[in-house]
Each structure stands twice: as structure tokens, then as C-alpha cells.
């Protein structure tokens, strides 16, 4: 069951990215919808999921869409994860140094957990663990915001799990 459900306002936050830039949900929402994906670098399901979140990012790069990862690890630990799994979208740090404030505000109990947040700040899709159906729904919804067809996420011959618990 998702920590925060669809139809409610996503808590605002400001965090530093691995590049030491500041990012806030409110500022990102001014550009359009936000896909927010929480993870830990040691989580096997996160390791499985994040290359697919990268595909969502690549499929929606041409629109006013933000894909933002939120790592529950330090920047030092997160950077090698991003390199290993080919993640190029921005990633913010929500770790022990701030008491996991954002993760707690979103009621996280497991990772990966992802939210698609509409420009008005309302959670449209909430996904705990890996759910192929939810990732497809997020990609489809992002394409609707862009007035475009959804980008392809799955490659021919790939065996994509329908669900993996976080």
C-alpha cells in the first residue's frame, strides 16, 4: 500500500542534489509534472527499477517534465550508483543528516517508492516497490501532459517483471 495516496497534495520540500544544487518541489512544479522516485543504493529492487526510471526520463526529456530521484544515502554513496545504473536525471539527498525529513513527510516505509505529481501538486500515481503497470501509467500520463505519444520503455525481448516488492 502506498505511503501517500493519490488525490492528496504532495508535501513541498527543498533538498540539495548530488551536485550541491538546491531543488524544491514547488519550483519543479512550476515547469510541469514531477516524477519523484525514492531509493537506497543498496536496495536490489531500486537497482532493478532505476534504469527504467531513466528510460521514463529519456522518453519525456522534450517536455516540461521533471524526473527527480531522492536518495536516502549520502552524495558520496549515491554518485557511484548513478554511474553504475546509468541515471542522468537530477538526484537529491534525503539522508540521516536531515533525519530523512522528506521520506518521512511522504510516509515511506520501503523503497523504491515513486510518485507522479501533477502541476497543481496533487499526487496522481503512487507506486511502492516495482510495478510495471504503475511505471507505464506514469509514462502515459507524462506523455498526455506533453500532448505526445508515450515513449517506449520496454525493449524487444526484455523480460520485465510485473511486480517486485521493495
N, C-alpha and C. Protein backbone atom coordinates (compact mmCIF):
# COMPACT_ATOMS: atom_id res chain seq x y z
N UNK A 1 0.84 -1.18 0.00
CA UNK A 1 0.00 0.00 0.00
C UNK A 1 0.89 1.25 0.00
N UNK A 2 0.62 2.20 -0.85
CA UNK A 2 1.44 3.41 -0.90
C UNK A 2 1.36 4.21 0.39
N UNK A 3 2.46 4.84 0.71
CA UNK A 3 2.51 5.68 1.90
C UNK A 3 1.54 6.85 1.77
N UNK A 4 1.72 7.66 0.75
CA UNK A 4 0.77 8.73 0.44
C UNK A 4 -0.05 8.28 -0.75
N UNK A 5 -1.32 8.51 -0.69
CA UNK A 5 -2.24 8.04 -1.72
C UNK A 5 -2.47 9.09 -2.79
N UNK A 6 -3.03 8.64 -3.89
CA UNK A 6 -3.39 9.55 -4.97
C UNK A 6 -4.49 10.49 -4.49
N UNK A 7 -4.54 11.65 -5.11
CA UNK A 7 -5.60 12.61 -4.80
C UNK A 7 -5.30 13.55 -3.66
N UNK A 8 -4.13 13.42 -3.04
CA UNK A 8 -3.77 14.34 -1.96
C UNK A 8 -2.60 15.21 -2.39
N UNK A 9 -2.40 16.31 -1.69
CA UNK A 9 -1.31 17.22 -2.01
C UNK A 9 0.02 16.63 -1.57
N UNK A 10 0.98 16.69 -2.46
CA UNK A 10 2.33 16.23 -2.15
C UNK A 10 3.03 17.26 -1.26
N UNK A 11 3.68 16.81 -0.19
CA UNK A 11 4.39 17.77 0.67
C UNK A 11 5.52 18.46 -0.09
N UNK A 12 5.62 19.77 0.07
CA UNK A 12 6.70 20.51 -0.55
C UNK A 12 8.00 20.22 0.20
N UNK A 13 9.11 20.41 -0.47
CA UNK A 13 10.42 20.20 0.15
C UNK A 13 11.47 20.95 -0.65
N UNK A 14 12.61 21.16 -0.01
CA UNK A 14 13.80 21.67 -0.67
C UNK A 14 14.96 20.81 -0.20
N UNK A 15 15.74 20.30 -1.14
CA UNK A 15 16.88 19.44 -0.84
C UNK A 15 18.07 19.85 -1.70
N UNK A 16 19.24 19.38 -1.34
CA UNK A 16 20.43 19.53 -2.17
C UNK A 16 20.58 18.31 -3.05
N UNK A 17 21.03 18.53 -4.27
CA UNK A 17 21.29 17.42 -5.18
C UNK A 17 22.71 16.90 -4.95
N UNK A 18 23.04 15.80 -5.63
CA UNK A 18 24.40 15.27 -5.52
C UNK A 18 25.42 16.27 -6.04
N UNK A 19 24.99 17.19 -6.91
CA UNK A 19 25.87 18.25 -7.44
C UNK A 19 25.85 19.50 -6.56
N UNK A 20 25.22 19.41 -5.41
CA UNK A 20 25.12 20.51 -4.44
C UNK A 20 24.29 21.69 -4.94
N UNK A 21 23.34 21.42 -5.81
CA UNK A 21 22.38 22.44 -6.23
C UNK A 21 21.14 22.25 -5.36
N UNK A 22 20.36 23.29 -5.21
CA UNK A 22 19.11 23.21 -4.44
C UNK A 22 17.97 22.90 -5.40
N UNK A 23 17.08 22.04 -4.96
CA UNK A 23 15.91 21.70 -5.75
C UNK A 23 14.71 21.68 -4.81
N UNK A 24 13.59 22.26 -5.29
CA UNK A 24 12.38 22.23 -4.49
C UNK A 24 11.23 21.71 -5.34
N UNK A 25 10.31 21.05 -4.69
CA UNK A 25 9.14 20.55 -5.41
C UNK A 25 8.34 21.71 -5.99
N UNK A 26 8.14 22.75 -5.21
CA UNK A 26 7.34 23.89 -5.67
C UNK A 26 7.93 24.49 -6.95
N UNK A 27 9.24 24.65 -7.01
CA UNK A 27 9.88 25.20 -8.20
C UNK A 27 9.75 24.26 -9.38
N UNK A 28 9.94 22.96 -9.14
CA UNK A 28 9.83 21.98 -10.23
C UNK A 28 8.42 21.94 -10.79
N UNK A 29 7.42 22.05 -9.92
CA UNK A 29 6.02 22.01 -10.38
C UNK A 29 5.65 23.21 -11.24
N UNK A 30 6.39 24.31 -11.13
CA UNK A 30 6.14 25.46 -11.99
C UNK A 30 6.45 25.12 -13.46
N UNK A 31 7.32 24.13 -13.67
CA UNK A 31 7.69 23.70 -15.02
C UNK A 31 6.70 22.67 -15.59
N UNK A 32 6.02 21.94 -14.69
CA UNK A 32 5.11 20.89 -15.12
C UNK A 32 5.10 19.76 -14.11
N UNK A 33 4.63 18.57 -14.52
CA UNK A 33 4.52 17.45 -13.59
C UNK A 33 5.90 16.97 -13.14
N UNK A 34 5.90 16.29 -11.98
CA UNK A 34 7.14 15.78 -11.39
C UNK A 34 6.97 14.29 -11.09
N UNK A 35 7.92 13.50 -11.56
CA UNK A 35 8.01 12.11 -11.15
C UNK A 35 9.10 12.06 -10.08
N UNK A 36 8.71 11.69 -8.89
CA UNK A 36 9.60 11.67 -7.72
C UNK A 36 9.86 10.22 -7.37
N UNK A 37 11.13 9.78 -7.37
CA UNK A 37 11.46 8.37 -7.13
C UNK A 37 12.48 8.26 -5.99
N UNK A 38 12.04 7.68 -4.87
CA UNK A 38 12.88 7.50 -3.69
C UNK A 38 13.62 6.16 -3.78
N UNK A 39 14.86 6.13 -3.27
CA UNK A 39 15.65 4.89 -3.32
C UNK A 39 16.78 4.88 -2.30
N UNK A 40 17.32 3.68 -2.11
CA UNK A 40 18.57 3.46 -1.38
C UNK A 40 19.50 2.73 -2.34
N UNK A 41 20.76 3.05 -2.30
CA UNK A 41 21.71 2.46 -3.24
C UNK A 41 21.89 0.96 -3.03
N UNK A 42 21.69 0.47 -1.82
CA UNK A 42 21.88 -0.96 -1.53
C UNK A 42 20.65 -1.81 -1.83
N UNK A 43 19.56 -1.20 -2.21
CA UNK A 43 18.28 -1.90 -2.44
C UNK A 43 18.29 -2.58 -3.81
N UNK A 44 18.17 -3.92 -3.84
CA UNK A 44 18.17 -4.62 -5.13
C UNK A 44 17.01 -4.23 -6.05
N UNK A 45 15.85 -3.95 -5.48
CA UNK A 45 14.71 -3.56 -6.32
C UNK A 45 14.93 -2.15 -6.89
N UNK A 46 15.57 -1.28 -6.13
CA UNK A 46 15.94 0.05 -6.64
C UNK A 46 16.93 -0.09 -7.80
N UNK A 47 17.89 -0.98 -7.63
CA UNK A 47 18.87 -1.23 -8.69
C UNK A 47 18.18 -1.74 -9.95
N UNK A 48 17.14 -2.53 -9.80
CA UNK A 48 16.36 -3.01 -10.93
C UNK A 48 15.55 -1.88 -11.56
N UNK A 49 14.93 -1.05 -10.72
CA UNK A 49 13.98 -0.04 -11.18
C UNK A 49 14.63 1.19 -11.82
N UNK A 50 15.76 1.63 -11.31
CA UNK A 50 16.27 2.93 -11.73
C UNK A 50 16.69 3.03 -13.20
N UNK A 51 17.19 1.98 -13.83
CA UNK A 51 17.40 2.10 -15.28
C UNK A 51 16.09 2.33 -16.03
N UNK A 52 14.97 1.84 -15.50
CA UNK A 52 13.67 2.08 -16.14
C UNK A 52 13.19 3.51 -15.87
N UNK A 53 13.46 4.04 -14.67
CA UNK A 53 13.14 5.45 -14.43
C UNK A 53 13.95 6.33 -15.37
N UNK A 54 15.19 5.93 -15.66
CA UNK A 54 16.00 6.66 -16.64
C UNK A 54 15.32 6.64 -18.01
N UNK A 55 14.73 5.52 -18.38
CA UNK A 55 14.01 5.44 -19.66
C UNK A 55 12.81 6.37 -19.66
N UNK A 56 12.11 6.46 -18.55
CA UNK A 56 10.98 7.40 -18.45
C UNK A 56 11.50 8.82 -18.64
N UNK A 57 12.61 9.12 -17.99
CA UNK A 57 13.23 10.45 -18.13
C UNK A 57 13.58 10.72 -19.59
N UNK A 58 14.24 9.78 -20.24
CA UNK A 58 14.64 9.97 -21.63
C UNK A 58 13.43 10.11 -22.55
N UNK A 59 12.38 9.35 -22.28
CA UNK A 59 11.16 9.41 -23.11
C UNK A 59 10.43 10.73 -22.98
N UNK A 60 10.70 11.46 -21.90
CA UNK A 60 9.95 12.70 -21.63
C UNK A 60 10.84 13.93 -21.56
N UNK A 61 12.04 13.84 -22.04
CA UNK A 61 13.00 14.94 -21.98
C UNK A 61 12.56 16.18 -22.73
N UNK A 62 11.82 15.99 -23.81
CA UNK A 62 11.47 17.13 -24.66
C UNK A 62 10.31 17.95 -24.11
N UNK A 63 9.73 17.54 -23.02
CA UNK A 63 8.61 18.28 -22.44
C UNK A 63 8.98 18.96 -21.15
N UNK A 64 8.07 19.69 -20.62
CA UNK A 64 8.29 20.37 -19.35
C UNK A 64 7.92 19.40 -18.23
N UNK A 65 8.77 18.40 -18.07
CA UNK A 65 8.58 17.32 -17.13
C UNK A 65 9.84 17.21 -16.28
N UNK A 66 9.68 16.99 -14.97
CA UNK A 66 10.83 16.78 -14.10
C UNK A 66 10.80 15.36 -13.57
N UNK A 67 11.92 14.67 -13.73
CA UNK A 67 12.13 13.39 -13.07
C UNK A 67 13.20 13.67 -12.03
N UNK A 68 12.88 13.37 -10.77
CA UNK A 68 13.80 13.65 -9.67
C UNK A 68 13.94 12.42 -8.79
N UNK A 69 15.14 11.93 -8.67
CA UNK A 69 15.42 10.85 -7.73
C UNK A 69 15.67 11.46 -6.36
N UNK A 70 15.34 10.71 -5.31
CA UNK A 70 15.63 11.13 -3.94
C UNK A 70 16.33 9.97 -3.25
N UNK A 71 17.62 10.14 -3.03
CA UNK A 71 18.44 9.10 -2.41
C UNK A 71 18.42 9.22 -0.90
N UNK A 72 18.28 8.08 -0.25
CA UNK A 72 18.34 8.05 1.21
C UNK A 72 19.77 7.75 1.68
N UNK A 73 20.73 7.95 0.81
CA UNK A 73 22.15 7.77 1.11
C UNK A 73 22.89 9.08 0.90
N UNK A 74 24.14 9.12 1.30
CA UNK A 74 24.96 10.32 1.11
C UNK A 74 25.28 10.52 -0.37
N UNK A 75 25.68 11.72 -0.71
CA UNK A 75 26.08 12.00 -2.08
C UNK A 75 27.26 11.12 -2.48
N UNK A 76 28.18 10.90 -1.57
CA UNK A 76 29.37 10.08 -1.85
C UNK A 76 28.96 8.65 -2.23
N UNK A 77 27.97 8.11 -1.56
CA UNK A 77 27.50 6.76 -1.84
C UNK A 77 26.59 6.74 -3.07
N UNK A 78 25.86 7.80 -3.29
CA UNK A 78 24.89 7.86 -4.39
C UNK A 78 25.55 8.00 -5.75
N UNK A 79 26.61 8.78 -5.85
CA UNK A 79 27.24 9.03 -7.16
C UNK A 79 27.65 7.75 -7.88
N UNK A 80 28.31 6.78 -7.22
CA UNK A 80 28.65 5.53 -7.93
C UNK A 80 27.41 4.75 -8.39
N UNK A 81 26.33 4.80 -7.61
CA UNK A 81 25.07 4.15 -8.01
C UNK A 81 24.57 4.76 -9.32
N UNK A 82 24.57 6.08 -9.40
CA UNK A 82 24.07 6.77 -10.60
C UNK A 82 24.89 6.38 -11.82
N UNK A 83 26.20 6.30 -11.64
CA UNK A 83 27.07 5.91 -12.75
C UNK A 83 26.81 4.46 -13.15
N UNK A 84 26.74 3.56 -12.18
CA UNK A 84 26.57 2.13 -12.46
C UNK A 84 25.26 1.84 -13.18
N UNK A 85 24.18 2.54 -12.80
CA UNK A 85 22.87 2.25 -13.35
C UNK A 85 22.44 3.25 -14.43
N UNK A 86 23.36 4.11 -14.87
CA UNK A 86 23.10 4.99 -16.00
C UNK A 86 22.08 6.08 -15.75
N UNK A 87 21.98 6.54 -14.52
CA UNK A 87 20.99 7.57 -14.16
C UNK A 87 21.57 8.94 -14.46
N UNK A 88 20.86 9.70 -15.33
CA UNK A 88 21.33 11.05 -15.69
C UNK A 88 20.40 12.15 -15.22
N UNK A 89 19.22 11.79 -14.70
CA UNK A 89 18.33 12.83 -14.20
C UNK A 89 18.79 13.30 -12.82
N UNK A 90 18.34 14.46 -12.36
CA UNK A 90 18.78 15.00 -11.07
C UNK A 90 18.39 14.08 -9.90
N UNK A 91 19.28 14.03 -8.92
CA UNK A 91 19.03 13.23 -7.73
C UNK A 91 19.37 14.07 -6.50
N UNK A 92 18.40 14.16 -5.60
CA UNK A 92 18.56 14.91 -4.36
C UNK A 92 18.89 13.94 -3.22
N UNK A 93 19.43 14.49 -2.15
CA UNK A 93 19.84 13.69 -0.99
C UNK A 93 18.91 13.97 0.19
N UNK A 94 18.33 12.89 0.71
CA UNK A 94 17.45 12.93 1.89
C UNK A 94 17.94 11.82 2.82
N UNK A 95 19.00 12.10 3.56
CA UNK A 95 19.65 11.05 4.34
C UNK A 95 19.59 11.32 5.84
N UNK A 96 20.40 10.60 6.56
CA UNK A 96 20.42 10.72 8.01
C UNK A 96 20.75 12.13 8.48
N UNK A 97 21.52 12.89 7.68
CA UNK A 97 21.92 14.24 8.10
C UNK A 97 20.74 15.18 8.29
N UNK A 98 19.63 14.94 7.60
CA UNK A 98 18.43 15.77 7.80
C UNK A 98 17.29 14.94 8.40
N UNK A 99 17.64 13.76 8.92
CA UNK A 99 16.63 12.91 9.57
C UNK A 99 15.63 12.32 8.60
N UNK A 100 16.03 12.18 7.33
CA UNK A 100 15.13 11.64 6.29
C UNK A 100 13.81 12.41 6.27
N UNK A 101 13.91 13.72 6.37
CA UNK A 101 12.73 14.57 6.51
C UNK A 101 11.72 14.40 5.38
N UNK A 102 12.20 14.33 4.15
CA UNK A 102 11.27 14.24 3.02
C UNK A 102 10.66 12.84 2.95
N UNK A 103 11.48 11.82 3.14
CA UNK A 103 10.96 10.44 3.16
C UNK A 103 9.90 10.29 4.23
N UNK A 104 10.13 10.88 5.39
CA UNK A 104 9.14 10.81 6.47
C UNK A 104 7.88 11.59 6.13
N UNK A 105 8.04 12.75 5.48
CA UNK A 105 6.87 13.54 5.10
C UNK A 105 5.99 12.79 4.10
N UNK A 106 6.62 11.95 3.28
CA UNK A 106 5.88 11.15 2.30
C UNK A 106 5.45 9.80 2.87
N UNK A 107 5.77 9.55 4.14
CA UNK A 107 5.35 8.33 4.82
C UNK A 107 5.98 7.06 4.30
N UNK A 108 7.19 7.15 3.77
CA UNK A 108 7.82 5.98 3.19
C UNK A 108 8.08 4.89 4.23
N UNK A 109 7.79 3.67 3.83
CA UNK A 109 8.11 2.51 4.64
C UNK A 109 9.03 1.56 3.90
N UNK A 110 9.17 1.76 2.59
CA UNK A 110 10.03 0.92 1.77
C UNK A 110 10.45 1.70 0.52
N UNK A 111 11.52 1.23 -0.09
CA UNK A 111 11.97 1.78 -1.37
C UNK A 111 12.14 0.62 -2.35
N UNK A 112 12.03 0.88 -3.63
CA UNK A 112 11.70 2.17 -4.21
C UNK A 112 10.23 2.54 -3.98
N UNK A 113 9.99 3.82 -3.89
CA UNK A 113 8.65 4.37 -3.88
C UNK A 113 8.67 5.57 -4.82
N UNK A 114 7.68 5.64 -5.70
CA UNK A 114 7.64 6.72 -6.68
C UNK A 114 6.25 7.36 -6.69
N UNK A 115 6.25 8.64 -6.99
CA UNK A 115 5.01 9.41 -7.07
C UNK A 115 5.03 10.23 -8.34
N UNK A 116 3.91 10.26 -9.05
CA UNK A 116 3.73 11.21 -10.14
C UNK A 116 2.87 12.33 -9.58
N UNK A 117 3.43 13.53 -9.60
CA UNK A 117 2.77 14.69 -9.00
C UNK A 117 2.37 15.65 -10.12
N UNK A 118 1.07 15.97 -10.17
CA UNK A 118 0.53 16.89 -11.17
C UNK A 118 1.05 18.31 -10.90
N UNK A 119 1.02 19.17 -11.92
CA UNK A 119 1.47 20.55 -11.73
C UNK A 119 0.75 21.30 -10.60
N UNK A 120 -0.46 20.87 -10.25
CA UNK A 120 -1.18 21.52 -9.14
C UNK A 120 -0.75 20.97 -7.78
N UNK A 121 0.21 20.03 -7.77
CA UNK A 121 0.74 19.49 -6.52
C UNK A 121 0.04 18.24 -6.02
N UNK A 122 -0.95 17.76 -6.75
CA UNK A 122 -1.70 16.57 -6.34
C UNK A 122 -1.01 15.30 -6.82
N UNK A 123 -0.95 14.30 -5.96
CA UNK A 123 -0.37 13.01 -6.34
C UNK A 123 -1.35 12.28 -7.27
N UNK A 124 -0.88 11.95 -8.47
CA UNK A 124 -1.72 11.25 -9.45
C UNK A 124 -1.48 9.76 -9.47
N UNK A 125 -0.23 9.33 -9.29
CA UNK A 125 0.12 7.92 -9.27
C UNK A 125 1.07 7.72 -8.10
N UNK A 126 0.86 6.65 -7.34
CA UNK A 126 1.69 6.31 -6.21
C UNK A 126 2.11 4.85 -6.36
N UNK A 127 3.40 4.59 -6.26
CA UNK A 127 3.92 3.25 -6.54
C UNK A 127 4.94 2.85 -5.49
N UNK A 128 4.67 1.77 -4.76
CA UNK A 128 5.61 1.24 -3.77
C UNK A 128 6.19 -0.05 -4.33
N UNK A 129 7.52 -0.16 -4.31
CA UNK A 129 8.18 -1.29 -4.94
C UNK A 129 8.25 -1.05 -6.44
N UNK A 130 8.48 -2.11 -7.20
CA UNK A 130 8.48 -2.03 -8.66
C UNK A 130 7.14 -2.51 -9.17
N UNK A 131 6.46 -1.70 -9.93
CA UNK A 131 5.20 -2.09 -10.57
C UNK A 131 5.26 -1.63 -12.02
N UNK A 132 5.39 -2.59 -12.92
CA UNK A 132 5.44 -2.28 -14.35
C UNK A 132 4.21 -1.48 -14.77
N UNK A 133 3.06 -1.88 -14.26
CA UNK A 133 1.80 -1.20 -14.60
C UNK A 133 1.83 0.27 -14.15
N UNK A 134 2.33 0.54 -12.94
CA UNK A 134 2.39 1.92 -12.45
C UNK A 134 3.40 2.75 -13.24
N UNK A 135 4.52 2.16 -13.61
CA UNK A 135 5.53 2.89 -14.39
C UNK A 135 4.95 3.22 -15.77
N UNK A 136 4.25 2.27 -16.36
CA UNK A 136 3.58 2.54 -17.64
C UNK A 136 2.55 3.66 -17.50
N UNK A 137 1.79 3.64 -16.41
CA UNK A 137 0.79 4.69 -16.17
C UNK A 137 1.45 6.05 -16.02
N UNK A 138 2.57 6.11 -15.31
CA UNK A 138 3.29 7.39 -15.16
C UNK A 138 3.78 7.88 -16.50
N UNK A 139 4.37 7.00 -17.29
CA UNK A 139 4.89 7.38 -18.60
C UNK A 139 3.76 7.86 -19.51
N UNK A 140 2.64 7.16 -19.47
CA UNK A 140 1.47 7.55 -20.29
C UNK A 140 0.95 8.93 -19.87
N UNK A 141 0.85 9.14 -18.57
CA UNK A 141 0.33 10.42 -18.06
C UNK A 141 1.29 11.57 -18.42
N UNK A 142 2.60 11.32 -18.31
CA UNK A 142 3.57 12.35 -18.67
C UNK A 142 3.44 12.70 -20.16
N UNK A 143 3.22 11.70 -21.00
CA UNK A 143 3.02 11.95 -22.43
C UNK A 143 1.77 12.79 -22.66
N UNK A 144 0.71 12.54 -21.90
CA UNK A 144 -0.50 13.34 -22.03
C UNK A 144 -0.22 14.80 -21.68
N UNK A 145 0.57 15.02 -20.65
CA UNK A 145 0.93 16.40 -20.30
C UNK A 145 1.71 17.07 -21.43
N UNK A 146 2.49 16.28 -22.14
CA UNK A 146 3.31 16.81 -23.23
C UNK A 146 2.55 16.84 -24.55
N UNK A 147 1.27 16.38 -24.56
CA UNK A 147 0.50 16.28 -25.79
C UNK A 147 1.24 15.46 -26.84
N UNK A 148 1.73 14.31 -26.40
CA UNK A 148 2.55 13.47 -27.24
C UNK A 148 2.22 12.00 -26.99
N UNK A 149 2.73 11.14 -27.86
CA UNK A 149 2.60 9.71 -27.63
C UNK A 149 3.63 9.30 -26.58
N UNK A 150 3.30 8.31 -25.75
CA UNK A 150 4.28 7.86 -24.76
C UNK A 150 5.51 7.23 -25.43
N UNK A 151 6.67 7.51 -24.87
CA UNK A 151 7.89 6.89 -25.37
C UNK A 151 7.93 5.41 -24.99
N UNK A 152 8.65 4.65 -25.76
CA UNK A 152 8.80 3.22 -25.49
C UNK A 152 9.71 3.01 -24.28
N UNK A 153 9.24 2.21 -23.33
CA UNK A 153 10.03 1.92 -22.14
C UNK A 153 10.67 0.54 -22.19
N UNK A 154 10.02 -0.39 -22.89
CA UNK A 154 10.48 -1.78 -22.87
C UNK A 154 11.08 -2.11 -24.23
N UNK A 155 12.18 -2.82 -24.20
CA UNK A 155 12.85 -3.20 -25.44
C UNK A 155 12.45 -4.62 -25.84
N UNK A 156 12.42 -4.83 -27.12
CA UNK A 156 12.05 -6.14 -27.66
C UNK A 156 12.93 -7.22 -27.03
N UNK A 157 12.27 -8.28 -26.55
CA UNK A 157 13.00 -9.40 -25.98
C UNK A 157 13.29 -9.29 -24.50
N UNK A 158 13.01 -8.13 -23.91
CA UNK A 158 13.25 -7.96 -22.47
C UNK A 158 12.16 -8.67 -21.69
N UNK A 159 12.57 -9.31 -20.61
CA UNK A 159 11.61 -9.93 -19.70
C UNK A 159 11.47 -9.00 -18.50
N UNK A 160 10.41 -8.20 -18.48
CA UNK A 160 10.22 -7.19 -17.45
C UNK A 160 9.26 -7.73 -16.39
N UNK A 161 9.70 -7.74 -15.15
CA UNK A 161 8.87 -8.21 -14.05
C UNK A 161 7.64 -7.32 -13.91
N UNK A 162 6.50 -7.93 -13.65
CA UNK A 162 5.28 -7.15 -13.40
C UNK A 162 5.34 -6.44 -12.06
N UNK A 163 5.88 -7.12 -11.06
CA UNK A 163 5.95 -6.54 -9.71
C UNK A 163 7.11 -7.12 -8.93
N UNK A 164 7.76 -6.26 -8.16
CA UNK A 164 8.79 -6.67 -7.21
C UNK A 164 8.59 -5.84 -5.96
N UNK A 165 8.44 -6.49 -4.83
CA UNK A 165 8.27 -5.77 -3.57
C UNK A 165 9.57 -5.05 -3.22
N UNK A 166 9.46 -3.88 -2.62
CA UNK A 166 10.65 -3.12 -2.22
C UNK A 166 11.21 -3.61 -0.91
